[in-house]
Protein backbone atom coordinates (compact mmCIF):
# COMPACT_ATOMS: atom_id res chain seq x y z
CA MET A 1 100.33 -108.43 -0.59
CA LYS A 2 97.19 -106.26 -0.60
CA LYS A 3 95.62 -105.31 2.63
CA ARG A 4 92.14 -106.59 2.79
CA GLN A 5 89.30 -104.44 4.17
CA SER A 6 86.77 -105.85 6.50
CA PRO A 7 83.07 -106.09 5.50
CA ILE A 8 82.20 -103.73 8.29
CA THR A 9 84.60 -101.11 6.92
CA ASN A 10 83.25 -101.57 3.40
CA ASN A 11 79.69 -101.21 4.62
CA TRP A 12 80.62 -98.04 6.56
CA HIS A 13 82.18 -96.44 3.51
CA ARG A 14 79.11 -97.27 1.40
CA THR A 15 76.78 -95.86 4.00
CA ALA A 16 78.82 -92.63 4.37
CA LEU A 17 79.02 -92.18 0.63
CA ALA A 18 75.29 -92.66 0.26
CA ALA A 19 74.61 -90.15 3.02
CA VAL A 20 76.90 -87.56 1.43
CA LEU A 21 75.23 -88.02 -1.97
CA CYS A 22 71.82 -87.76 -0.38
CA LEU A 23 72.71 -84.59 1.49
CA PHE A 24 74.25 -83.05 -1.63
CA GLY A 25 71.10 -83.85 -3.61
CA PHE A 26 68.90 -82.32 -0.91
CA CYS A 27 70.95 -79.14 -0.95
CA LEU A 28 70.55 -78.91 -4.74
CA ILE A 29 66.80 -79.43 -4.47
CA TRP A 30 66.51 -76.77 -1.66
CA ALA A 31 68.62 -74.30 -3.57
CA SER A 32 66.48 -74.67 -6.71
CA ALA A 33 63.25 -74.41 -4.70
CA ALA A 34 64.38 -71.36 -2.70
CA PRO A 35 62.78 -68.10 -3.88
CA LYS A 36 65.10 -65.94 -5.94
CA GLY A 37 65.97 -62.42 -4.92
CA LYS A 38 66.04 -63.09 -1.13
CA ARG A 39 69.31 -63.13 0.69
CA LYS A 40 69.93 -65.39 3.63
CA ARG A 41 70.22 -63.49 6.92
CA PRO A 42 73.84 -63.72 8.02
CA ARG A 43 74.31 -65.53 11.25
CA THR A 44 76.09 -63.42 13.87
CA ASP A 45 78.57 -64.93 16.24
CA GLU A 46 77.11 -64.47 19.74
CA ARG A 47 80.26 -65.47 21.57
CA VAL A 48 82.59 -62.98 23.24
CA TYR A 49 86.20 -63.75 22.29
CA LEU A 50 89.33 -62.94 24.18
CA VAL A 51 91.95 -61.56 21.77
CA HIS A 52 94.79 -60.69 24.09
CA SER A 53 95.79 -60.45 27.75
CA ASP A 54 99.25 -60.17 29.31
CA GLU A 55 98.20 -62.39 32.22
CA LEU A 56 95.46 -65.00 32.58
CA ALA A 57 94.52 -66.82 35.76
CA TYR A 58 91.73 -69.11 36.82
CA ASP A 59 90.92 -70.07 40.42
CA MET A 60 87.85 -72.24 40.85
CA TYR A 61 88.18 -71.84 44.64
CA GLY A 62 88.78 -68.11 44.62
CA ALA A 63 86.44 -65.13 45.08
CA VAL A 64 85.19 -65.39 41.50
CA PRO A 65 85.23 -69.12 40.74
CA ASP A 66 83.50 -68.92 37.34
CA ALA A 67 85.70 -66.19 35.90
CA GLN A 68 88.98 -66.04 34.04
CA ILE A 69 91.01 -63.28 35.61
CA LEU A 70 92.79 -61.16 33.00
CA ARG A 71 95.39 -58.42 33.51
CA GLY A 72 97.39 -56.15 31.24
CA LYS A 73 96.23 -54.87 27.82
CA VAL A 74 93.05 -56.94 27.81
CA HIS A 75 91.28 -57.06 24.45
CA PHE A 76 87.89 -58.62 23.56
CA THR A 77 85.80 -58.73 20.39
CA HIS A 78 82.09 -59.40 19.98
CA ALA A 79 79.75 -59.03 16.98
CA GLY A 80 81.80 -56.37 15.21
CA SER A 81 82.73 -54.47 18.37
CA GLN A 82 85.92 -54.32 20.39
CA LEU A 83 86.61 -53.83 24.08
CA TRP A 84 89.89 -52.85 25.76
CA CYS A 85 90.63 -52.48 29.46
CA ASP A 86 93.37 -52.83 32.10
CA SER A 87 91.85 -55.91 33.75
CA ALA A 88 88.72 -58.00 33.52
CA TYR A 89 86.70 -60.94 34.71
CA PHE A 90 85.78 -63.10 31.72
CA PHE A 91 82.79 -65.35 32.25
CA GLN A 92 83.12 -67.58 29.23
CA GLU A 93 80.09 -69.77 29.94
CA ALA A 94 77.87 -66.80 30.74
CA ASN A 95 79.33 -64.98 27.71
CA SER A 96 79.90 -61.76 29.71
CA VAL A 97 82.75 -59.52 30.84
CA LYS A 98 83.40 -57.25 33.80
CA ALA A 99 86.01 -54.72 32.69
CA PHE A 100 88.08 -52.46 34.96
CA GLY A 101 90.36 -49.47 34.34
CA HIS A 102 90.58 -47.37 31.14
CA VAL A 103 87.68 -49.23 29.58
CA HIS A 104 87.34 -48.45 25.90
CA PHE A 105 84.50 -49.86 23.82
CA LYS A 106 84.43 -49.26 20.06
CA GLN A 107 81.73 -50.08 17.54
CA GLY A 108 82.59 -49.44 13.91
CA ASP A 109 84.12 -46.10 13.00
CA THR A 110 81.39 -43.88 14.48
CA LEU A 111 80.93 -44.94 18.12
CA SER A 112 83.42 -44.89 20.98
CA LEU A 113 82.66 -45.37 24.67
CA LYS A 114 85.14 -44.86 27.53
CA CYS A 115 84.65 -45.34 31.27
CA ASP A 116 86.31 -46.59 34.45
CA TYR A 117 84.16 -49.73 34.83
CA ALA A 118 81.87 -51.70 32.55
CA ASP A 119 79.73 -54.81 32.66
CA TYR A 120 79.16 -56.30 29.19
CA ILE A 121 76.58 -59.06 28.57
CA GLY A 122 77.18 -60.69 25.20
CA ALA A 123 73.85 -62.54 24.93
CA GLU A 124 71.90 -59.31 25.41
CA GLN A 125 74.45 -57.02 23.77
CA MET A 126 74.09 -54.75 26.74
CA MET A 127 76.83 -52.66 28.32
CA HIS A 128 76.58 -51.07 31.76
CA ALA A 129 79.20 -48.33 31.92
CA ARG A 130 80.00 -46.54 35.16
CA ARG A 131 82.13 -43.64 36.37
CA ASN A 132 83.54 -40.97 34.02
CA VAL A 133 81.60 -42.24 31.03
CA VAL A 134 82.24 -40.54 27.68
CA LEU A 135 80.18 -41.69 24.68
CA LYS A 136 81.23 -40.26 21.32
CA HIS A 137 79.06 -40.82 18.28
CA ARG A 138 79.89 -38.94 15.10
CA THR A 139 79.92 -35.26 16.19
CA GLN A 140 78.00 -35.82 19.42
CA THR A 141 79.64 -36.43 22.81
CA LEU A 142 77.73 -37.58 25.90
CA TYR A 143 79.22 -37.24 29.42
CA THR A 144 77.74 -39.07 32.40
CA ASP A 145 78.64 -41.31 35.38
CA SER A 146 76.08 -44.06 34.74
CA LEU A 147 75.14 -45.24 31.26
CA ASP A 148 73.50 -48.34 29.86
CA TYR A 149 74.11 -48.97 26.17
CA ASP A 150 71.73 -51.37 24.41
CA ARG A 151 73.32 -52.45 21.12
CA LEU A 152 70.25 -54.35 19.95
CA TYR A 153 68.07 -51.19 19.96
CA ASP A 154 70.93 -48.63 19.60
CA ASN A 155 69.88 -46.84 22.77
CA ALA A 156 72.11 -45.25 25.39
CA TYR A 157 70.47 -44.42 28.74
CA PHE A 158 71.83 -42.26 31.55
CA PHE A 159 70.00 -41.79 34.82
CA GLU A 160 72.31 -39.99 37.25
CA GLY A 161 72.85 -36.78 35.32
CA GLY A 162 74.36 -36.31 31.90
CA LYS A 163 75.58 -33.74 29.39
CA LEU A 164 75.34 -33.95 25.60
CA ILE A 165 77.49 -31.66 23.43
CA ASP A 166 76.64 -31.22 19.74
CA GLY A 167 78.65 -28.40 18.20
CA LYS A 168 77.51 -25.20 19.89
CA ASP A 169 74.56 -26.97 21.53
CA GLU A 170 74.95 -28.24 25.09
CA LEU A 171 72.25 -30.20 26.95
CA VAL A 172 72.22 -31.16 30.62
CA SER A 173 69.60 -33.16 32.50
CA ASP A 174 69.07 -35.68 35.30
CA TRP A 175 67.86 -38.50 33.03
CA GLY A 176 67.97 -39.09 29.32
CA GLU A 177 68.54 -41.34 26.39
CA TYR A 178 70.30 -41.15 23.01
CA ASN A 179 69.66 -43.35 19.99
CA THR A 180 72.70 -43.94 17.79
CA ALA A 181 70.57 -45.07 14.82
CA THR A 182 68.13 -42.14 14.68
CA ARG A 183 70.58 -39.73 16.38
CA LYS A 184 67.69 -38.43 18.51
CA ALA A 185 67.93 -37.72 22.21
CA ALA A 186 65.36 -37.29 24.99
CA PHE A 187 66.08 -35.48 28.25
CA PHE A 188 63.97 -35.32 31.40
CA TYR A 189 64.01 -33.63 34.80
CA ASP A 190 65.82 -30.31 35.31
CA VAL A 191 66.82 -29.97 31.64
CA HIS A 192 69.09 -27.10 30.55
CA MET A 193 70.07 -26.50 26.93
CA ARG A 194 72.52 -23.83 25.84
CA SER A 195 72.87 -22.95 22.15
CA GLY A 196 75.01 -19.86 21.60
CA GLU A 197 73.18 -17.09 23.49
CA ASN A 198 69.99 -19.11 23.82
CA ILE A 199 69.17 -21.01 27.04
CA ILE A 200 66.28 -23.45 27.44
CA ASN A 201 65.01 -24.54 30.87
CA THR A 202 62.42 -27.31 31.00
CA ASP A 203 61.67 -30.76 32.44
CA SER A 204 61.13 -32.55 29.13
CA LEU A 205 63.08 -32.01 25.91
CA HIS A 206 63.47 -34.03 22.72
CA TYR A 207 66.45 -33.20 20.51
CA ASP A 208 67.28 -34.28 16.95
CA THR A 209 71.06 -33.93 16.37
CA ARG A 210 70.67 -34.11 12.59
CA THR A 211 68.27 -31.17 12.27
CA ARG A 212 69.28 -29.53 15.60
CA ILE A 213 65.63 -29.05 16.45
CA ALA A 214 64.65 -29.22 20.11
CA HIS A 215 61.05 -29.97 21.19
CA VAL A 216 60.09 -28.97 24.72
CA THR A 217 56.90 -30.09 26.48
CA GLY A 218 55.60 -28.88 29.78
CA PRO A 219 56.31 -25.52 31.42
CA SER A 220 59.49 -24.19 29.73
CA THR A 221 61.51 -21.03 29.39
CA ILE A 222 63.60 -20.07 26.36
CA LYS A 223 65.93 -17.14 26.92
CA SER A 224 67.93 -15.30 24.28
CA LYS A 225 69.92 -12.04 24.33
CA SER A 226 66.81 -9.84 24.13
CA THR A 227 63.75 -12.07 24.57
CA VAL A 228 62.26 -14.50 27.08
CA ILE A 229 59.79 -17.13 25.87
CA ASN A 230 57.39 -18.91 28.21
CA THR A 231 55.72 -21.94 26.68
CA THR A 232 54.44 -25.48 27.31
CA ASP A 233 54.95 -26.84 23.80
CA ALA A 234 57.60 -25.53 21.42
CA TYR A 235 60.00 -26.46 18.66
CA THR A 236 63.22 -24.45 18.42
CA ASN A 237 65.91 -24.74 15.75
CA SER A 238 69.34 -23.86 17.06
CA LYS A 239 70.72 -23.72 13.51
CA THR A 240 68.31 -21.02 12.26
CA ASN A 241 67.25 -19.54 15.65
CA MET A 242 63.60 -20.08 14.70
CA SER A 243 60.99 -21.24 17.22
CA GLN A 244 57.45 -22.56 16.75
CA LEU A 245 55.44 -22.11 19.93
CA PHE A 246 52.12 -23.73 20.80
CA GLY A 247 49.92 -24.12 23.86
CA ARG A 248 49.35 -20.42 24.68
CA SER A 249 52.92 -19.16 24.68
CA THR A 250 54.35 -15.73 25.53
CA ILE A 251 57.30 -13.80 24.08
CA VAL A 252 58.70 -11.01 26.28
CA ASP A 253 60.98 -8.42 24.67
CA GLY A 254 61.79 -5.75 27.21
CA LYS A 255 58.56 -3.91 27.82
CA LYS A 256 56.79 -5.58 24.89
CA THR A 257 54.90 -8.86 25.21
CA ILE A 258 53.21 -11.12 22.65
CA THR A 259 50.88 -13.93 23.76
CA GLY A 260 49.02 -16.31 21.46
CA ASP A 261 47.76 -19.84 20.92
CA SER A 262 50.48 -20.33 18.26
CA LEU A 263 53.54 -18.15 17.81
CA PHE A 264 56.42 -18.18 15.35
CA HIS A 265 59.58 -16.41 16.54
CA TYR A 266 62.60 -15.73 14.32
CA ASP A 267 65.21 -14.48 16.76
CA LYS A 268 67.77 -13.59 14.10
CA LEU A 269 65.48 -11.10 12.30
CA LYS A 270 63.45 -10.29 15.45
CA GLN A 271 60.20 -11.27 13.69
CA ASN A 272 57.12 -12.69 15.39
CA GLU A 273 53.90 -14.05 13.96
CA GLY A 274 50.95 -15.19 16.04
CA PHE A 275 47.65 -17.00 15.45
CA GLY A 276 44.64 -17.44 17.73
CA ASN A 277 43.69 -14.86 20.36
CA VAL A 278 46.95 -12.92 20.03
CA ILE A 279 47.66 -10.10 22.50
CA TYR A 280 50.48 -7.65 21.90
CA THR A 281 51.22 -5.36 24.86
CA ASP A 282 53.57 -2.37 24.99
CA THR A 283 53.78 -1.22 28.61
CA GLU A 284 56.15 1.63 27.79
CA ASN A 285 53.77 3.32 25.30
CA LYS A 286 50.71 2.01 27.17
CA ASN A 287 48.91 0.39 24.25
CA GLU A 288 47.70 -3.07 23.36
CA LEU A 289 46.77 -4.92 20.19
CA ARG A 290 44.45 -7.92 20.06
CA CYS A 291 43.62 -10.07 17.06
CA ASP A 292 43.59 -13.62 15.71
CA HIS A 293 46.56 -13.02 13.34
CA LEU A 294 49.49 -10.76 14.08
CA PHE A 295 52.85 -10.10 12.44
CA TYR A 296 55.37 -7.91 14.25
CA ASN A 297 59.02 -7.01 13.57
CA GLU A 298 60.82 -5.93 16.78
CA THR A 299 63.66 -4.23 14.88
CA THR A 300 61.55 -1.98 12.66
CA GLY A 301 58.50 -1.76 14.92
CA TYR A 302 56.20 -2.70 12.05
CA GLY A 303 53.11 -4.74 12.86
CA TYR A 304 50.08 -6.05 10.99
CA ALA A 305 46.93 -7.38 12.65
CA THR A 306 43.75 -8.81 11.21
CA LYS A 307 40.79 -11.05 12.16
CA ARG A 308 38.90 -9.26 14.96
CA ALA A 309 41.68 -6.73 15.33
CA LEU A 310 41.33 -4.39 18.33
CA MET A 311 43.68 -1.65 19.46
CA LEU A 312 43.63 -0.38 23.02
CA ASP A 313 45.38 2.87 24.00
CA TYR A 314 45.46 3.49 27.75
CA SER A 315 48.12 6.23 27.73
CA GLN A 316 45.38 8.66 28.72
CA LYS A 317 42.89 8.72 31.58
CA ASP A 318 40.30 6.69 29.70
CA THR A 319 41.08 3.73 27.44
CA LEU A 320 40.49 4.14 23.70
CA TYR A 321 39.19 1.03 21.84
CA VAL A 322 39.57 0.96 18.05
CA HIS A 323 38.36 -1.96 15.92
CA ALA A 324 38.82 -2.48 12.18
CA ASP A 325 39.09 -5.29 9.69
CA SER A 326 42.88 -4.73 9.61
CA LEU A 327 45.36 -2.69 11.62
CA LYS A 328 48.90 -1.68 10.68
CA LEU A 329 51.45 -0.38 13.17
CA TYR A 330 54.43 1.78 12.19
CA THR A 331 57.19 2.88 14.60
CA PHE A 332 59.37 5.91 13.95
CA ASN A 333 62.66 6.90 15.61
CA ILE A 334 62.75 3.50 17.27
CA GLU A 335 65.15 3.07 20.20
CA THR A 336 65.40 6.85 20.68
CA ASP A 337 63.81 9.28 23.10
CA SER A 338 61.60 10.69 20.34
CA VAL A 339 60.01 7.38 19.37
CA TYR A 340 56.38 7.50 18.29
CA ARG A 341 53.90 5.26 16.55
CA LYS A 342 51.21 5.45 13.90
CA VAL A 343 48.28 3.08 13.67
CA HIS A 344 46.45 2.68 10.36
CA ALA A 345 43.02 1.12 10.70
CA PHE A 346 41.02 0.42 7.55
CA ASN A 347 37.59 -0.90 6.61
CA HIS A 348 34.68 -0.81 9.12
CA VAL A 349 36.44 1.26 11.77
CA ARG A 350 34.65 1.79 15.07
CA ALA A 351 36.15 3.51 18.12
CA TYR A 352 34.94 3.96 21.67
CA ARG A 353 36.07 5.94 24.67
CA ASP A 354 33.94 7.20 27.53
CA ASP A 355 33.94 10.77 26.24
CA VAL A 356 34.24 10.20 22.48
CA GLN A 357 33.06 7.66 19.94
CA ALA A 358 33.69 7.44 16.22
CA VAL A 359 32.75 5.48 13.06
CA CYS A 360 34.48 5.71 9.69
CA ASP A 361 35.93 3.64 6.89
CA SER A 362 39.63 4.28 7.64
CA LEU A 363 41.57 5.89 10.48
CA VAL A 364 45.13 6.96 11.35
CA PHE A 365 46.19 7.49 14.95
CA SER A 366 49.58 9.06 15.80
CA SER A 367 51.04 8.99 19.28
CA GLN A 368 53.35 11.88 18.35
CA ASP A 369 50.55 14.48 18.58
CA SER A 370 47.77 12.20 19.90
CA CYS A 371 45.83 12.90 16.73
CA MET A 372 43.19 10.58 15.31
CA THR A 373 42.31 11.26 11.63
CA MET A 374 39.23 9.70 10.06
CA TYR A 375 38.32 9.33 6.38
CA ARG A 376 35.27 8.44 4.27
CA ASP A 377 32.00 9.37 5.95
CA PRO A 378 33.46 9.83 9.44
CA ILE A 379 31.22 10.50 12.44
CA VAL A 380 32.38 11.61 15.90
CA TRP A 381 30.22 11.84 19.00
CA ASN A 382 31.06 13.77 22.16
CA LEU A 383 28.44 13.60 24.87
CA GLY A 384 25.28 14.88 23.15
CA ARG A 385 27.06 16.33 20.12
CA GLN A 386 27.58 14.70 16.72
CA LEU A 387 30.19 15.86 14.20
CA LEU A 388 30.19 14.98 10.49
CA GLY A 389 32.52 15.79 7.62
CA GLU A 390 34.65 14.47 4.82
CA VAL A 391 37.78 14.31 7.06
CA ILE A 392 37.85 14.67 10.83
CA HIS A 393 40.96 15.29 12.98
CA VAL A 394 40.58 14.66 16.71
CA TYR A 395 43.40 15.79 19.02
CA MET A 396 43.60 14.35 22.51
CA ASN A 397 45.47 15.32 25.65
CA ASP A 398 46.21 13.29 28.78
CA SER A 399 42.61 13.03 29.88
CA THR A 400 40.15 13.88 27.14
CA VAL A 401 39.51 15.40 23.70
CA ARG A 402 41.36 18.72 23.16
CA LYS A 403 40.37 19.73 19.66
CA ALA A 404 38.40 18.53 16.68
CA GLU A 405 38.85 19.72 13.06
CA ILE A 406 36.19 18.93 10.47
CA VAL A 407 37.21 19.49 6.84
CA GLY A 408 34.63 19.44 4.00
CA GLN A 409 30.82 19.32 4.42
CA ALA A 410 31.16 19.99 8.15
CA LEU A 411 28.09 19.50 10.28
CA SER A 412 27.64 19.80 14.05
CA VAL A 413 24.43 18.59 15.62
CA GLU A 414 23.65 18.76 19.35
CA LYS A 415 20.53 17.32 20.91
CA CYS A 416 18.87 19.82 23.23
CA ASP A 417 16.01 17.84 24.75
CA GLU A 418 13.94 14.70 24.35
CA LYS A 419 11.54 16.50 21.95
CA ASN A 420 14.10 16.24 19.14
CA HIS A 421 15.22 19.86 19.19
CA PHE A 422 18.76 20.13 17.78
CA ASN A 423 21.35 22.90 17.68
CA GLN A 424 22.90 22.74 14.20
CA ILE A 425 25.80 24.26 12.34
CA SER A 426 26.88 23.48 8.79
CA SER A 427 29.90 24.93 6.97
CA LYS A 428 32.87 24.04 4.79
CA ARG A 429 35.19 23.76 7.81
CA MET A 430 34.66 23.60 11.52
CA ASP A 431 37.01 23.68 14.54
CA ALA A 432 35.81 22.69 17.98
CA PHE A 433 37.81 23.26 21.17
CA PHE A 434 37.13 21.21 24.30
CA THR A 435 37.84 21.65 28.00
CA ASP A 436 37.39 18.79 30.43
CA GLY A 437 35.54 16.82 27.77
CA ALA A 438 33.00 19.56 26.94
CA ILE A 439 33.05 21.88 23.96
CA ARG A 440 33.80 25.46 24.99
CA ARG A 441 34.44 27.17 21.68
CA ALA A 442 33.49 26.45 18.08
CA GLU A 443 34.47 28.21 14.89
CA ALA A 444 32.87 27.56 11.51
CA THR A 445 34.05 29.06 8.24
CA GLY A 446 32.66 29.01 4.69
CA ASN A 447 28.93 29.06 3.84
CA VAL A 448 27.94 28.90 7.48
CA LYS A 449 24.35 28.10 8.44
CA SER A 450 23.28 27.75 12.05
CA LEU A 451 20.22 26.91 14.08
CA TYR A 452 20.54 27.58 17.78
CA TYR A 453 17.93 27.44 20.56
CA ASN A 454 17.89 29.92 23.41
CA ALA A 455 16.66 28.67 26.78
CA ASP A 456 15.04 30.47 29.67
CA GLN A 457 17.66 31.05 32.37
CA LYS A 458 15.28 30.17 35.21
CA ASP A 459 13.85 26.80 34.15
CA SER A 460 16.03 26.01 31.09
CA VAL A 461 12.95 25.77 28.88
CA LEU A 462 13.58 26.47 25.18
CA SER A 463 12.16 29.85 24.33
CA GLU A 464 13.35 30.82 20.81
CA LEU A 465 15.24 29.69 17.76
CA ASN A 466 17.99 31.69 16.05
CA TYR A 467 18.66 31.06 12.35
CA MET A 468 21.79 32.63 10.90
CA GLU A 469 23.77 32.64 7.66
CA THR A 470 27.32 34.02 7.59
CA ASP A 471 30.83 33.40 6.35
CA THR A 472 32.51 33.02 9.74
CA LEU A 473 30.91 32.10 13.04
CA ARG A 474 32.42 31.82 16.56
CA MET A 475 30.46 30.45 19.50
CA TYR A 476 31.51 30.38 23.15
CA MET A 477 29.92 28.00 25.62
CA SER A 478 30.01 27.68 29.37
CA ALA A 479 31.05 24.58 31.28
CA GLU A 480 27.33 23.76 31.51
CA ARG A 481 27.21 23.76 27.66
CA LYS A 482 25.17 26.98 27.57
CA LEU A 483 25.81 29.63 24.93
CA GLN A 484 27.64 32.61 26.44
CA LYS A 485 28.29 34.72 23.41
CA ILE A 486 28.34 34.49 19.64
CA TRP A 487 30.22 36.37 16.95
CA ALA A 488 29.57 36.45 13.23
CA SER A 489 30.77 38.55 10.31
CA LYS A 490 28.09 40.10 8.13
CA ALA A 491 25.44 37.75 9.46
CA VAL A 492 21.92 37.45 8.12
CA GLY A 493 19.38 35.77 10.34
CA THR A 494 15.97 35.46 11.90
CA MET A 495 14.79 34.79 15.47
CA TYR A 496 11.65 32.69 15.91
CA PRO A 497 9.67 32.35 19.13
CA ILE A 498 9.44 28.72 20.11
CA THR A 499 5.73 28.67 19.29
CA GLN A 500 6.14 30.29 15.84
CA ILE A 501 8.90 28.28 14.26
CA PRO A 502 8.07 27.25 10.63
CA PRO A 503 8.22 23.46 10.17
CA GLU A 504 10.94 23.77 7.50
CA LYS A 505 13.19 25.72 9.92
CA TYR A 506 13.54 23.02 12.55
CA LYS A 507 16.35 21.37 10.54
CA LEU A 508 19.02 22.52 8.15
CA PRO A 509 19.03 20.95 4.65
CA GLU A 510 22.26 19.20 5.64
CA PHE A 511 20.84 17.80 8.87
CA ALA A 512 21.56 14.13 9.72
CA TRP A 513 21.35 12.26 13.01
CA PHE A 514 22.96 8.81 13.30
CA GLU A 515 22.38 7.78 16.89
CA GLU A 516 21.74 4.15 15.87
CA ILE A 517 25.23 3.87 14.45
CA ARG A 518 26.99 5.18 17.53
CA PRO A 519 29.06 2.58 19.49
CA LYS A 520 27.39 1.96 22.84
CA ASP A 521 30.39 0.47 24.72
CA LYS A 522 33.80 -1.15 24.16
CA TYR A 523 32.21 -4.43 23.11
CA ASP A 524 29.98 -2.80 20.54
CA VAL A 525 32.94 -1.77 18.38
CA PHE A 526 32.86 -5.25 16.82
CA ASN A 527 29.28 -4.75 15.55
CA TRP A 528 29.43 -2.83 12.30
CA ARG A 529 26.49 -0.56 11.51
CA GLY A 530 27.01 1.78 8.58
CA LYS A 531 24.97 4.59 7.12
CA ALA A 532 21.80 3.71 5.31
CA ALA A 533 21.79 4.00 1.54
CA GLY A 534 21.27 7.59 0.41
CA THR A 535 22.56 9.15 3.65
CA GLU A 536 26.22 9.20 2.69
CA LEU A 537 28.03 12.47 2.10
CA LYS A 538 27.83 13.78 -1.44
CA ALA A 539 30.93 13.23 -3.49
CA MET A 540 32.63 16.59 -3.93
CA PRO A 541 34.90 16.60 -6.98
CA ARG A 542 38.33 18.00 -6.36
CA ILE A 543 38.99 21.33 -8.06
CA GLU A 544 42.06 21.01 -10.23
CA ALA A 545 43.93 23.42 -12.42
CA PRO A 546 43.02 23.03 -16.11
CA LEU A 547 45.55 21.19 -18.23
CA GLN A 548 47.42 23.34 -20.67
CA ARG A 549 47.93 22.14 -24.20
CA LEU A 550 50.48 23.36 -26.66
CA GLU A 551 49.12 24.20 -30.07
């Protein structure tokens, strides 16, 4: 006998079947209408699940009425992460956990967090870890006592002191954060970073663990084995030991200091490069170099400066200022007791000191013998005297000029009064010897011509002019720059009373006076004024031995 179904049952089956067919058809239509190439976002399970616990208790009238009390090898999972602890309060409705004792949180294969206590909120994916917190992410390890880990934004925050270790780099600060996605960290307040022998002290530091580049902002100090850097904005690479400094930074290396708007420091090779109002100071050798672009190697002592380059030497009583288009610095016998330097200045050289001024095309200054050598139309002024020649050597002592050597087309001109009377000497070579800044003896050799005025001893009025031609001439002057005696070998000359001087005898054929070119002060060295066209020294071809030819 067949069991008969009721009409209500039949109707229910028909209705259910129709609903299923309708839903299936809708799904087909939606699937065909959905745009191709887009994947549906997977839906994450937001619930925290209890995997294991040795003991479980629930007391709705106890101290924690909403919690499941778990003890012994407690294990949770949530959204791809796992949590172990000794005991816990599990708030199932609130989807959160309070974990106690040997708390271990693990996310994937790259992140591990351990602490004594943690509060985990599943809805926010936020963990509050406290006491003896150790966060390990790849090769980085973060130690702190208070840490908040935001899984949604991959940020870990510590706010009661923390230490990050990344290989040889160690960072300590009062407050900071670390992003596990970008692997970048930020540290604030009393920040200390140690990388090998380098130590950084600042209040604000940003660190990229992938590139190992640290960016400091605000007043900061970077110390290495031999240098100390003071900066307010700098990038330093602990992998290459290179630093990029901005915001008017300073590098101190013993008694040498470099300051500039932008500096690049390569600690491994001891190289420095600066841009923008750069000042290099050597307090041991008492000199200074200023420019807008400087390169300097601390190991070799080689430096190159350009763009408004200015050298200051204050090793003597008065400061010497030398300006040129470019300056090169060479150091010899570095790190020994016999160390000395040479400065090469070239193109548009102008020098100023209270007792001596100079203009030339190129110049070499050596601290070994305090000699300044000038080339290509050099001119040197000392008080009222002007010296010209093809090459001029000026030797200095601790206070003033000691000696001057003029080689080739030598000319000495001294202004006697405001009526344009000049004492003049021309020769192939000339040596001048100074005492207390004043010339006391002069010696001229080779085709010597001289014009010298005698003055009345009572009122110092010019009374006569001596013209002389000889091969060698020696002149001796008093401290008041008056002629005491003169010596000449086989001299030929004429004496003219001051009222009977022929017009052509007032000046030698080689006479030239370049007062308008003379630097007026230390600021005037930047203003180039060269000789007018046609007043340059004549080119003297070098005498060479004739070439021999074999027949």
